[in-house]
């Protein structure tokens, strides 16, 4: 088993037309957590022992870069996959 260097989530750059999605493991203050949602500057994490959720800054959320999940979206346009579900019709076409 290899030891992977953890990096702050704030340093992860998603591929073009993608954003960081939830559903992967991370470490906050030395404690393992599950990332549930990634927002602009913060992350919603779930603590496995208690099931409690909390919000932490991206730079405090340490991740294995290979474990980070990406989802299609265009954060620069301000409309990602989560907002599309709230809008009627199809998502906007790529320009």
Protein backbone atom coordinates (compact mmCIF):
# COMPACT_ATOMS: atom_id res chain seq x y z
CA UNK A 1 0.00 0.00 0.00
CA UNK A 2 1.43 3.37 -0.97
CA UNK A 3 1.16 6.51 1.07
CA UNK A 4 -0.49 9.24 -0.98
CA UNK A 5 0.28 12.88 -0.32
CA UNK A 6 -2.87 14.78 0.65
CA UNK A 7 -3.38 18.25 -0.79
CA UNK A 8 -5.87 21.02 0.06
CA UNK A 9 -9.06 20.75 -1.99
CA UNK A 10 -8.61 24.44 -2.85
CA UNK A 11 -5.60 23.46 -5.02
CA UNK A 12 -7.55 20.97 -7.17
CA UNK A 13 -8.29 22.31 -10.65
CA UNK A 14 -11.07 20.44 -12.47
CA UNK A 15 -10.81 19.65 -16.19
CA UNK A 16 -12.40 22.09 -18.66
CA UNK A 17 -16.21 22.31 -18.38
CA UNK A 18 -16.23 20.30 -15.13
CA UNK A 19 -16.48 21.10 -11.45
CA UNK A 20 -15.59 19.19 -8.32
CA UNK A 21 -18.48 16.97 -7.21
CA UNK A 22 -19.18 15.34 -3.85
CA UNK A 23 -18.91 11.71 -2.83
CA UNK A 24 -15.27 11.17 -1.91
CA UNK A 25 -13.23 10.85 1.28
CA UNK A 26 -11.10 13.61 2.77
CA UNK A 27 -9.37 14.60 6.02
CA UNK A 28 -10.22 17.68 8.09
CA UNK A 29 -8.16 18.45 11.22
CA UNK A 30 -6.72 14.92 11.09
CA UNK A 31 -10.17 13.32 11.11
CA UNK A 32 -11.53 11.31 8.15
CA UNK A 33 -14.70 12.77 6.63
CA UNK A 34 -16.90 12.21 3.57
CA UNK A 35 -17.31 15.14 1.17
CA UNK A 36 -21.02 15.59 0.42
CA UNK A 37 -21.02 18.86 -1.55
CA UNK A 38 -18.43 21.28 -2.89
CA UNK A 39 -19.39 24.94 -2.97
CA UNK A 40 -17.47 27.97 -4.23
CA UNK A 41 -15.19 28.42 -1.19
CA UNK A 42 -16.42 25.78 1.24
CA UNK A 43 -17.18 22.07 1.46
CA UNK A 44 -20.02 20.21 3.21
CA UNK A 45 -18.52 17.19 5.00
CA UNK A 46 -20.09 14.33 6.93
CA UNK A 47 -18.38 12.86 9.97
CA UNK A 48 -18.62 9.03 9.75
CA UNK A 49 -18.88 8.32 13.48
CA UNK A 50 -21.74 10.68 14.29
CA UNK A 51 -23.25 11.35 10.85
CA UNK A 52 -23.09 15.07 11.67
CA UNK A 53 -22.45 17.42 8.78
CA UNK A 54 -20.44 20.61 8.88
CA UNK A 55 -19.08 23.23 6.50
CA UNK A 56 -15.33 23.77 6.23
CA UNK A 57 -13.13 25.95 4.04
CA UNK A 58 -11.66 24.25 0.97
CA UNK A 59 -8.11 24.96 2.11
CA UNK A 60 -8.72 22.98 5.35
CA UNK A 61 -10.11 19.95 3.49
CA UNK A 62 -7.20 17.62 2.62
CA UNK A 63 -7.78 15.17 -0.23
CA UNK A 64 -6.06 12.51 -2.31
CA UNK A 65 -6.05 14.18 -5.77
CA UNK A 66 -6.81 10.81 -7.42
CA UNK A 67 -9.98 10.36 -5.30
CA UNK A 68 -11.59 13.70 -6.21
CA UNK A 69 -14.78 13.32 -8.28
CA UNK A 70 -15.54 15.67 -11.17
CA UNK A 71 -18.97 16.32 -12.68
CA UNK A 72 -19.85 18.08 -15.94
CA UNK A 73 -20.58 21.75 -15.52
CA UNK A 74 -19.30 25.20 -16.33
CA UNK A 75 -18.58 27.06 -13.10
CA UNK A 76 -17.48 30.21 -14.97
CA UNK A 77 -20.99 30.53 -16.41
CA UNK A 78 -22.50 30.27 -12.94
CA UNK A 79 -24.83 27.42 -13.89
CA UNK A 80 -23.64 23.99 -12.84
CA UNK A 81 -25.44 20.65 -12.76
CA UNK A 82 -27.10 21.38 -9.41
CA UNK A 83 -28.76 24.54 -10.72
CA UNK A 84 -29.91 22.80 -13.91
CA UNK A 85 -32.22 20.56 -11.91
CA UNK A 86 -34.10 23.63 -10.71
CA UNK A 87 -34.59 25.08 -14.19
CA UNK A 88 -37.34 23.90 -16.55
CA UNK A 89 -36.20 22.32 -19.80
CA UNK A 90 -32.72 21.27 -20.79
CA UNK A 91 -29.42 22.75 -19.62
CA UNK A 92 -28.02 25.56 -21.74
CA UNK A 93 -26.09 24.44 -24.82
CA UNK A 94 -22.31 24.80 -24.76
CA UNK A 95 -21.15 27.83 -26.69
